[in-house]
Amino acid sequence: MTIPEITVEELAKKLKSKDQFILLDVREPSELEQAKITDTRLEVVPMSRLGNEGTNALSESARSKGAEIYVMCHHGNRSMQVTGWLVSQGWANVHNVSGGIDAFARTIDPTIGIY
């Protein structure tokens, strides 16, 4: 299975738009204290919670299999797993953010923090 991905540059353009989408951050709460994108479209659902609760952990809007979702973690490994899992569950418009928040901070906005 090919995992759909977007670059951090593409995500930065999306974040500047008024488009409706979900930026799903699957990192743990302690990681969010170190680096976080601030945007009203951000939803935080740690991968551990997804593992325990499955799709019930997602917000109502993210449970829509047609929702536009960009999945992010620290380096892109966990988000790639979550993206693949959502695709296998029938989500049609979900993408992994390649390189995660680390690449975003290094390439786009260093003020969000690097850890």
Protein backbone atom coordinates (compact mmCIF):
# COMPACT_ATOMS: atom_id res chain seq x y z
CA MET A 1 0.00 0.00 0.00
CA THR A 2 1.28 3.45 -0.89
CA ILE A 3 0.84 5.97 1.92
CA PRO A 4 -0.39 9.35 0.65
CA GLU A 5 1.93 12.14 1.80
CA ILE A 6 2.34 15.89 1.68
CA THR A 7 5.47 17.92 2.32
CA VAL A 8 5.81 20.45 5.11
CA GLU A 9 5.88 23.16 2.43
CA GLU A 10 2.49 21.96 1.16
CA LEU A 11 1.17 21.89 4.73
CA ALA A 12 2.38 25.45 5.30
CA LYS A 13 0.36 26.58 2.27
CA LYS A 14 -2.71 24.72 3.56
CA LEU A 15 -2.32 26.36 6.99
CA LYS A 16 -2.27 29.82 5.37
CA SER A 17 -5.48 29.02 3.50
CA LYS A 18 -9.01 29.17 4.84
CA ASP A 19 -9.60 25.59 3.64
CA GLN A 20 -11.45 23.25 5.96
CA PHE A 21 -9.31 20.26 6.94
CA ILE A 22 -8.08 18.51 10.06
CA LEU A 23 -4.45 18.56 11.15
CA LEU A 24 -4.33 15.43 13.27
CA ASP A 25 -1.37 15.43 15.66
CA VAL A 26 -0.80 11.90 17.01
CA ARG A 27 2.02 12.76 19.42
CA GLU A 28 1.80 12.32 23.17
CA PRO A 29 0.90 15.28 25.47
CA SER A 30 4.47 15.66 26.77
CA GLU A 31 5.69 16.14 23.19
CA LEU A 32 3.14 18.89 22.55
CA GLU A 33 4.70 20.90 25.37
CA GLN A 34 7.95 21.01 23.40
CA ALA A 35 6.66 21.85 19.91
CA LYS A 36 3.18 22.56 18.61
CA ILE A 37 1.49 24.20 15.65
CA THR A 38 -1.24 26.56 16.76
CA ASP A 39 -4.22 26.44 14.41
CA THR A 40 -7.96 26.06 14.90
CA ARG A 41 -7.92 23.01 12.61
CA LEU A 42 -5.49 21.13 14.90
CA GLU A 43 -6.85 18.06 16.66
CA VAL A 44 -4.66 16.12 19.06
CA VAL A 45 -5.31 12.40 19.39
CA PRO A 46 -2.22 10.53 20.62
CA MET A 47 -1.41 7.32 18.77
CA SER A 48 -1.64 5.45 22.08
CA ARG A 49 -5.26 6.60 22.42
CA LEU A 50 -6.02 5.52 18.85
CA GLY A 51 -4.54 2.13 19.71
CA ASN A 52 -6.84 1.79 22.71
CA GLU A 53 -10.05 3.34 21.36
CA GLY A 54 -9.71 2.94 17.59
CA THR A 55 -11.67 5.39 15.46
CA ASN A 56 -13.83 6.26 18.50
CA ALA A 57 -10.90 8.40 19.67
CA LEU A 58 -11.38 10.70 16.66
CA SER A 59 -13.62 13.74 16.71
CA GLU A 60 -16.97 13.45 14.98
CA SER A 61 -15.70 15.43 11.98
CA ALA A 62 -12.56 13.26 11.68
CA ARG A 63 -14.72 10.11 11.74
CA SER A 64 -16.15 11.12 8.38
CA LYS A 65 -14.31 8.95 5.87
CA GLY A 66 -14.37 11.82 3.40
CA ALA A 67 -12.73 14.31 5.77
CA GLU A 68 -9.53 15.97 4.56
CA ILE A 69 -6.97 14.95 7.20
CA TYR A 70 -3.24 15.61 7.48
CA VAL A 71 -1.57 13.39 10.08
CA MET A 72 1.52 14.63 11.89
CA CYS A 73 3.90 13.33 14.54
CA HIS A 74 7.52 14.09 15.48
CA HIS A 75 9.41 12.71 12.46
CA GLY A 76 6.65 11.15 10.35
CA ASN A 77 6.89 7.50 11.42
CA ARG A 78 3.89 7.23 13.73
CA SER A 79 1.83 9.48 11.48
CA MET A 80 2.68 7.22 8.54
CA GLN A 81 1.35 4.24 10.50
CA VAL A 82 -1.83 6.10 11.46
CA THR A 83 -2.33 7.32 7.88
CA GLY A 84 -1.95 3.77 6.55
CA TRP A 85 -4.35 2.48 9.17
CA LEU A 86 -6.97 5.11 8.30
CA VAL A 87 -6.59 4.36 4.57
CA SER A 88 -7.06 0.65 5.31
CA GLN A 89 -10.24 1.56 7.25
CA GLY A 90 -11.67 3.38 4.22
CA TRP A 91 -10.58 7.02 4.65
CA ALA A 92 -10.15 8.49 1.19
CA ASN A 93 -8.53 11.89 1.82
CA VAL A 94 -5.88 11.35 4.49
CA HIS A 95 -2.19 12.23 4.11
CA ASN A 96 0.95 11.77 6.18
CA VAL A 97 2.98 14.94 6.79
CA SER A 98 6.42 13.84 5.61
CA GLY A 99 9.12 14.60 8.19
CA GLY A 100 6.62 15.58 10.88
CA ILE A 101 6.76 18.60 13.12
CA ASP A 102 10.55 18.35 13.24
CA ALA A 103 10.80 19.02 9.48
CA PHE A 104 8.12 21.72 9.77
CA ALA A 105 10.08 23.51 12.51
CA ARG A 106 13.42 23.19 10.69
CA THR A 107 12.06 24.22 7.28
CA ILE A 108 9.04 26.46 7.86
CA ASP A 109 8.80 27.87 11.40
CA PRO A 110 11.60 27.38 13.95
CA THR A 111 9.61 29.28 16.60
CA ILE A 112 7.35 26.26 17.21
CA GLY A 113 10.24 24.38 18.79
CA ILE A 114 12.56 21.49 18.05
CA TYR A 115 13.20 18.53 20.33
